[in-house]
Protein backbone atom coordinates (compact mmCIF):
# COMPACT_ATOMS: atom_id res chain seq x y z
CA MET A 1 -18.34 -98.54 -36.70
CA ASN A 2 -15.78 -96.00 -37.90
CA ALA A 3 -15.12 -97.94 -41.08
CA MET A 4 -18.71 -97.39 -42.15
CA THR A 5 -19.15 -93.78 -41.19
CA ARG A 6 -16.22 -92.77 -43.41
CA ILE A 7 -18.18 -93.79 -46.51
CA GLU A 8 -19.66 -90.87 -48.41
CA MET A 9 -23.31 -91.06 -49.46
CA THR A 10 -23.67 -91.00 -53.25
CA PRO A 11 -26.58 -91.46 -55.65
CA VAL A 12 -27.75 -95.03 -56.24
CA GLY A 13 -25.70 -96.67 -58.94
CA THR A 14 -22.44 -94.87 -58.23
CA GLN A 15 -19.54 -95.99 -56.11
CA PRO A 16 -18.90 -94.44 -52.68
CA VAL A 17 -15.76 -92.37 -52.22
CA GLN A 18 -14.28 -95.17 -50.11
CA SER A 19 -15.23 -98.79 -50.76
CA TYR A 20 -16.40 -101.04 -47.97
CA THR A 21 -14.17 -103.49 -46.25
CA ARG A 22 -15.48 -106.90 -45.22
CA GLU A 23 -15.30 -105.75 -41.61
CA ALA A 24 -17.53 -102.77 -42.40
CA ARG A 25 -20.07 -105.03 -44.11
CA SER A 26 -20.29 -107.18 -41.00
CA ASP A 27 -20.74 -104.07 -38.88
CA LEU A 28 -23.52 -102.87 -41.14
CA VAL A 29 -25.41 -106.17 -40.94
CA ARG A 30 -25.11 -106.23 -37.14
CA ALA A 31 -26.20 -102.60 -36.85
CA ILE A 32 -29.30 -103.06 -39.03
CA ALA A 33 -30.23 -106.27 -37.22
CA GLY A 34 -30.09 -104.37 -33.94
CA LEU A 35 -32.51 -101.73 -35.22
CA VAL A 36 -35.36 -103.93 -36.41
CA GLY A 37 -37.79 -106.40 -34.87
CA ALA A 38 -37.54 -110.17 -34.88
CA GLY A 39 -39.97 -110.42 -37.80
CA SER A 40 -37.68 -108.43 -40.10
CA ARG A 41 -35.04 -110.38 -41.98
CA VAL A 42 -31.44 -109.14 -42.30
CA GLU A 43 -28.96 -111.00 -44.52
CA ALA A 44 -25.40 -110.47 -45.71
CA ASP A 45 -23.95 -110.86 -49.22
CA VAL A 46 -27.24 -111.80 -50.87
CA PRO A 47 -26.88 -112.61 -54.60
CA LEU A 48 -29.11 -110.31 -56.65
CA SER A 49 -29.01 -112.24 -59.93
CA SER A 50 -31.80 -114.49 -58.65
CA ARG A 51 -33.85 -111.47 -57.53
CA THR A 52 -33.91 -109.62 -60.85
CA THR A 53 -35.76 -110.53 -64.02
CA LEU A 54 -32.58 -110.07 -66.08
CA ARG A 55 -30.83 -112.72 -63.95
CA VAL A 56 -27.50 -110.90 -63.60
CA GLY A 57 -25.76 -108.88 -60.91
CA GLY A 58 -23.48 -109.24 -57.90
CA PRO A 59 -24.48 -109.41 -54.23
CA ALA A 60 -25.98 -106.89 -51.83
CA ASP A 61 -23.76 -106.13 -48.85
CA CYS A 62 -26.77 -106.07 -46.53
CA PHE A 63 -30.30 -107.15 -47.50
CA LEU A 64 -33.25 -106.10 -45.34
CA THR A 65 -36.82 -107.36 -45.60
CA PRO A 66 -38.65 -105.20 -43.01
CA GLU A 67 -41.87 -106.37 -41.37
CA SER A 68 -43.23 -102.88 -40.72
CA GLU A 69 -42.99 -99.23 -41.65
CA GLU A 70 -41.40 -98.58 -38.26
CA ASP A 71 -38.52 -100.98 -38.94
CA LEU A 72 -38.10 -99.54 -42.42
CA SER A 73 -38.05 -96.00 -41.02
CA ARG A 74 -35.41 -96.82 -38.41
CA ALA A 75 -33.13 -98.51 -40.96
CA VAL A 76 -33.37 -95.69 -43.51
CA ALA A 77 -32.87 -92.95 -40.92
CA TRP A 78 -29.85 -94.77 -39.45
CA CYS A 79 -28.26 -95.17 -42.88
CA ASP A 80 -28.90 -91.52 -43.70
CA HIS A 81 -27.36 -90.42 -40.40
CA HIS A 82 -24.27 -92.61 -40.91
CA ARG A 83 -24.03 -91.77 -44.63
CA ILE A 84 -24.48 -95.37 -45.70
CA PRO A 85 -25.81 -95.81 -49.25
CA TRP A 86 -29.18 -97.57 -49.51
CA MET A 87 -31.76 -98.41 -52.14
CA VAL A 88 -35.07 -100.20 -52.50
CA LEU A 89 -35.41 -103.32 -54.64
CA GLY A 90 -38.89 -104.16 -55.91
CA ARG A 91 -39.61 -107.20 -58.04
CA GLY A 92 -36.27 -106.75 -59.80
CA SER A 93 -37.73 -105.80 -63.18
CA ASN A 94 -36.44 -102.79 -65.12
CA LEU A 95 -33.15 -103.21 -63.27
CA LEU A 96 -29.57 -103.99 -64.29
CA VAL A 97 -27.28 -104.67 -61.33
CA ARG A 98 -23.57 -104.45 -62.11
CA ASP A 99 -21.40 -107.50 -61.48
CA GLY A 100 -19.82 -105.97 -58.35
CA GLY A 101 -23.21 -105.87 -56.64
CA ILE A 102 -24.63 -103.10 -54.48
CA GLU A 103 -22.71 -101.55 -51.60
CA GLY A 104 -24.58 -100.62 -48.45
CA LEU A 105 -28.18 -101.56 -47.69
CA VAL A 106 -30.73 -103.03 -50.10
CA ILE A 107 -34.33 -102.94 -48.86
CA HIS A 108 -36.87 -105.42 -50.18
CA LEU A 109 -40.54 -104.77 -49.34
CA ASN A 110 -41.51 -108.42 -49.62
CA HIS A 111 -43.13 -108.88 -46.22
CA PRO A 112 -46.91 -109.52 -46.39
CA PHE A 113 -47.46 -106.19 -44.61
CA PHE A 114 -46.37 -104.35 -47.77
CA HIS A 115 -48.41 -106.61 -50.08
CA ARG A 116 -51.87 -105.66 -48.82
CA ILE A 117 -54.55 -104.57 -51.30
CA GLU A 118 -57.81 -103.14 -49.93
CA ASN A 119 -60.99 -102.03 -51.66
CA LEU A 120 -61.81 -98.53 -50.37
CA GLY A 121 -65.02 -98.18 -52.38
CA ASP A 122 -65.74 -95.58 -55.07
CA ASN A 123 -63.54 -97.56 -57.51
CA ARG A 124 -60.45 -97.07 -55.34
CA LEU A 125 -57.84 -99.59 -54.24
CA LEU A 126 -55.28 -99.09 -51.47
CA CYS A 127 -52.15 -100.95 -52.57
CA GLY A 128 -49.01 -101.61 -50.55
CA ALA A 129 -45.75 -100.73 -52.28
CA GLY A 130 -44.70 -104.37 -52.36
CA SER A 131 -47.88 -105.50 -54.14
CA ARG A 132 -47.29 -107.08 -57.51
CA LEU A 133 -48.92 -105.17 -60.33
CA ARG A 134 -50.58 -108.34 -61.56
CA GLN A 135 -52.20 -108.74 -58.13
CA VAL A 136 -53.49 -105.16 -58.34
CA ALA A 137 -54.99 -105.82 -61.78
CA ASN A 138 -56.64 -109.00 -60.48
CA ALA A 139 -58.02 -107.21 -57.42
CA ALA A 140 -59.43 -104.45 -59.63
CA ARG A 141 -61.12 -107.08 -61.79
CA ASP A 142 -62.58 -108.84 -58.76
CA HIS A 143 -64.03 -105.55 -57.49
CA SER A 144 -65.32 -104.50 -60.94
CA ILE A 145 -62.85 -101.59 -61.21
CA GLY A 146 -61.88 -100.91 -64.81
CA GLY A 147 -58.89 -99.14 -66.34
CA LEU A 148 -56.13 -100.96 -64.48
CA GLU A 149 -55.95 -103.96 -66.81
CA PHE A 150 -52.63 -102.79 -68.30
CA LEU A 151 -50.90 -103.41 -64.96
CA GLU A 152 -51.33 -107.16 -65.41
CA GLY A 153 -48.55 -107.26 -67.97
CA ILE A 154 -45.92 -105.28 -66.06
CA PRO A 155 -43.63 -107.58 -64.02
CA GLY A 156 -43.06 -105.21 -61.12
CA SER A 157 -44.39 -103.87 -57.84
CA VAL A 158 -46.45 -100.80 -57.01
CA GLY A 159 -43.48 -99.00 -55.45
CA GLY A 160 -41.26 -99.55 -58.47
CA ALA A 161 -44.08 -98.58 -60.81
CA LEU A 162 -44.51 -95.27 -59.00
CA ARG A 163 -40.77 -94.59 -59.08
CA MET A 164 -40.72 -95.16 -62.85
CA ASN A 165 -44.29 -94.06 -63.71
CA ALA A 166 -44.50 -97.49 -65.30
CA GLY A 167 -46.84 -98.04 -68.20
CA ALA A 168 -47.95 -100.44 -70.91
CA MET A 169 -50.62 -100.69 -73.60
CA GLY A 170 -51.13 -96.92 -73.57
CA GLY A 171 -51.64 -96.55 -69.81
CA GLU A 172 -49.38 -95.22 -67.04
CA ILE A 173 -49.79 -95.72 -63.31
CA PHE A 174 -49.91 -91.97 -62.60
CA ASP A 175 -52.98 -91.77 -64.86
CA PHE A 176 -54.84 -93.67 -62.12
CA LEU A 177 -53.06 -92.40 -59.01
CA ASN A 178 -55.16 -90.65 -56.39
CA SER A 179 -52.52 -90.29 -53.66
CA PHE A 180 -49.53 -92.07 -52.20
CA ARG A 181 -47.55 -92.31 -49.00
CA PHE A 182 -43.76 -92.31 -48.87
CA LEU A 183 -40.85 -92.31 -46.46
CA ASP A 184 -38.13 -89.68 -46.74
CA SER A 185 -34.45 -90.24 -45.97
CA ASP A 186 -34.95 -88.99 -42.40
CA GLY A 187 -37.46 -91.78 -41.80
CA THR A 188 -40.47 -89.43 -41.81
CA ILE A 189 -43.71 -90.51 -43.53
CA HIS A 190 -45.57 -88.14 -45.87
CA GLU A 191 -48.70 -88.33 -48.01
CA LEU A 192 -49.28 -86.45 -51.28
CA ASP A 193 -52.04 -86.20 -53.85
CA ARG A 194 -51.15 -86.77 -57.48
CA ASP A 195 -51.42 -83.07 -58.37
CA GLN A 196 -48.75 -82.30 -55.76
CA VAL A 197 -46.18 -84.50 -57.49
CA ASP A 198 -43.92 -83.78 -60.47
CA TYR A 199 -43.94 -86.83 -62.73
CA HIS A 200 -42.94 -87.49 -66.32
CA TYR A 201 -42.71 -90.24 -68.91
CA ARG A 202 -41.08 -93.15 -67.08
CA SER A 203 -39.97 -90.99 -64.18
CA CYS A 204 -41.07 -89.63 -60.81
CA PRO A 205 -38.00 -87.67 -59.67
CA MET A 206 -39.19 -87.08 -56.10
CA LEU A 207 -39.08 -90.82 -55.39
CA VAL A 208 -35.34 -90.87 -55.97
CA GLY A 209 -34.00 -91.08 -52.43
CA HIS A 210 -37.46 -91.72 -50.96
CA VAL A 211 -39.40 -94.93 -50.40
CA ALA A 212 -42.95 -95.38 -51.69
CA LEU A 213 -45.07 -97.11 -49.02
CA SER A 214 -48.55 -97.35 -50.52
CA ALA A 215 -50.81 -95.84 -53.15
CA VAL A 216 -54.50 -95.26 -53.72
CA LEU A 217 -55.41 -96.05 -57.33
CA THR A 218 -58.74 -95.01 -58.84
CA GLY A 219 -60.36 -96.72 -61.81
CA THR A 220 -63.76 -96.62 -63.42
CA PRO A 221 -66.86 -98.80 -62.94
CA SER A 222 -66.88 -101.88 -65.15
CA ASP A 223 -68.12 -105.46 -64.98
CA SER A 224 -65.66 -108.22 -64.16
CA ASP A 225 -66.31 -110.19 -67.35
CA SER A 226 -65.45 -107.20 -69.54
CA ILE A 227 -62.30 -106.55 -67.52
CA ARG A 228 -61.34 -110.21 -67.81
CA ARG A 229 -61.70 -110.08 -71.60
CA ARG A 230 -59.57 -106.95 -71.84
CA MET A 231 -56.90 -108.54 -69.64
CA LYS A 232 -56.88 -111.62 -71.86
CA GLN A 233 -56.53 -109.48 -75.00
CA SER A 234 -53.73 -107.47 -73.41
CA ASN A 235 -51.95 -110.64 -72.30
CA GLU A 236 -52.16 -112.18 -75.78
CA LYS A 237 -50.87 -108.99 -77.40
CA ARG A 238 -47.97 -108.79 -74.97
CA TRP A 239 -46.77 -112.35 -75.48
CA SER A 240 -47.03 -112.04 -79.24
CA SER A 241 -44.82 -108.94 -79.26
CA GLN A 242 -42.40 -109.47 -76.36
CA PRO A 243 -39.78 -112.17 -75.73
CA ALA A 244 -40.29 -114.92 -73.18
CA ALA A 245 -36.56 -115.12 -72.34
CA PRO A 246 -35.26 -113.35 -69.19
CA SER A 247 -35.16 -109.58 -69.72
CA ALA A 248 -35.56 -106.31 -67.83
CA GLY A 249 -38.39 -105.09 -70.05
CA CYS A 250 -37.78 -102.18 -72.40
CA THR A 251 -34.12 -101.18 -72.36
CA PHE A 252 -34.45 -97.65 -73.73
CA LYS A 253 -36.95 -94.82 -73.44
CA ASN A 254 -38.69 -94.02 -76.69
CA PRO A 255 -37.16 -90.91 -78.33
CA ALA A 256 -39.50 -88.35 -79.86
CA ARG A 257 -38.87 -89.24 -83.49
CA ILE A 258 -39.28 -93.01 -83.51
CA PRO A 259 -39.98 -95.85 -81.06
CA ALA A 260 -36.73 -97.28 -79.70
CA GLY A 261 -37.54 -100.81 -80.84
CA LYS A 262 -38.20 -99.70 -84.42
CA LEU A 263 -35.00 -97.62 -84.45
CA ILE A 264 -32.93 -100.57 -83.26
CA GLU A 265 -34.52 -102.76 -85.92
CA GLU A 266 -33.77 -100.20 -88.64
CA LEU A 267 -30.16 -100.08 -87.44
CA GLY A 268 -29.97 -103.82 -88.11
CA LEU A 269 -29.22 -104.63 -84.48
CA LYS A 270 -31.96 -107.17 -83.80
CA GLY A 271 -30.17 -110.35 -82.77
CA ALA A 272 -26.89 -108.54 -82.01
CA SER A 273 -25.11 -110.12 -79.05
CA ILE A 274 -22.18 -109.72 -76.70
CA GLY A 275 -21.40 -112.69 -74.51
CA GLY A 276 -24.69 -114.04 -73.22
CA ALA A 277 -26.60 -110.79 -73.80
CA ARG A 278 -28.63 -110.46 -76.98
CA VAL A 279 -31.05 -108.00 -78.58
CA SER A 280 -34.30 -109.91 -78.91
CA GLU A 281 -35.38 -110.94 -82.39
CA VAL A 282 -39.00 -110.50 -81.22
CA HIS A 283 -38.72 -106.85 -80.09
CA GLY A 284 -35.73 -104.60 -80.70
CA ASN A 285 -36.08 -102.74 -77.38
CA PHE A 286 -35.72 -105.90 -75.30
CA MET A 287 -32.36 -107.37 -74.36
CA VAL A 288 -32.42 -110.99 -73.21
CA ASN A 289 -30.18 -113.32 -71.26
CA ASP A 290 -29.35 -116.65 -72.87
CA GLY A 291 -28.51 -118.01 -69.42
CA THR A 292 -24.79 -117.23 -69.43
CA ALA A 293 -24.74 -113.42 -69.50
CA ARG A 294 -22.98 -111.12 -67.08
CA ALA A 295 -24.02 -107.57 -66.36
CA ALA A 296 -20.92 -106.41 -68.23
CA ASP A 297 -22.26 -108.06 -71.41
CA PHE A 298 -25.47 -106.03 -71.21
CA LEU A 299 -23.62 -102.81 -70.45
CA GLN A 300 -21.41 -103.28 -73.52
CA LEU A 301 -24.42 -104.08 -75.68
CA ILE A 302 -26.26 -100.98 -74.44
CA HIS A 303 -23.21 -98.86 -75.28
CA LEU A 304 -22.99 -100.42 -78.75
CA ILE A 305 -26.64 -99.59 -79.48
CA GLN A 306 -26.34 -96.05 -78.14
CA GLU A 307 -23.23 -95.39 -80.25
CA SER A 308 -24.90 -96.77 -83.35
CA ALA A 309 -28.04 -94.65 -82.81
CA ARG A 310 -25.93 -91.55 -82.20
CA THR A 311 -23.55 -91.90 -85.15
CA ARG A 312 -25.90 -93.41 -87.73
CA ALA A 313 -29.25 -91.80 -86.88
CA GLY A 314 -28.32 -88.73 -84.83
CA ILE A 315 -30.52 -89.93 -81.96
CA GLU A 316 -29.54 -90.11 -78.30
CA LEU A 317 -31.02 -93.19 -76.68
CA HIS A 318 -31.48 -92.98 -72.92
CA THR A 319 -31.90 -96.09 -70.84
CA GLU A 320 -35.26 -96.87 -69.31
CA VAL A 321 -33.74 -99.78 -67.39
CA GLN A 322 -32.16 -98.57 -64.13
CA ILE A 323 -28.43 -99.36 -63.90
CA VAL A 324 -27.20 -99.70 -60.32
CA GLY A 325 -24.27 -101.10 -58.34
CA VAL A 326 -20.52 -101.12 -58.73
CA GLU A 327 -17.97 -102.78 -60.97
CA PRO A 328 -16.20 -105.89 -59.58
């Protein structure tokens, strides 16, 4: 195991001081498999292009789908102790994985245990971190809980939404958060109320390096038919203003002066393309994959837009999409 323990832990999206060898990857897979139960799935060299909405990206060295919080805790604590980089992959939206893939361990909370949604009463839902946001919106509708309709249009999971304070149609998930549970890098589970957490527009910094496990969301009383109508209106608005082609959602955070999509349109960059990556003609803040793109194409296109915004409009555009992994 010495080949692995020499690797320095670095933030997600950067390259370790010393790259893995194939031997180290095999050791990592065997070590993780030995830590978890038979119901957890451990795989090597899993392509991530099929697990992200942008449809690009290299493989994960080791891919774990844990069946329980205990297995997840053991794997994270072991990686932290051995200084092995790790990250959590949700539904793969809002994510750009570089063509070299992700070194270390990628954790996917796709086991049914992490998908549970329970009605707690008093307009509250307990949602596992792996729950799809659309499922949460549907559950809220079925239990006559209003306010969560906007989640229906976000193609992600509860855990990822908490990490990014995801929002749409004027709502953000932290607006409706009561409390959440998370796992720290030592494998210890904590629970916090919303007012104990520092969160911002499209960011919850404390969840960097931690794993969201579940959340209690609180809505308002409403009848299911009214909620259904609002969901239908939201859905129609979304599909009339957003592209249907594969994308990662909004590429850039909105700067203070002007929405990013409008700025990109004013810069004349709608339809701009590099390789198989293109700025959508439908919405300037969406970049789409024509089916042939590589991650490198999107990275170059992002750089082109940022340079144009900086030099022509004096505006710094910061990415909302999370860029992770290493170069080939």
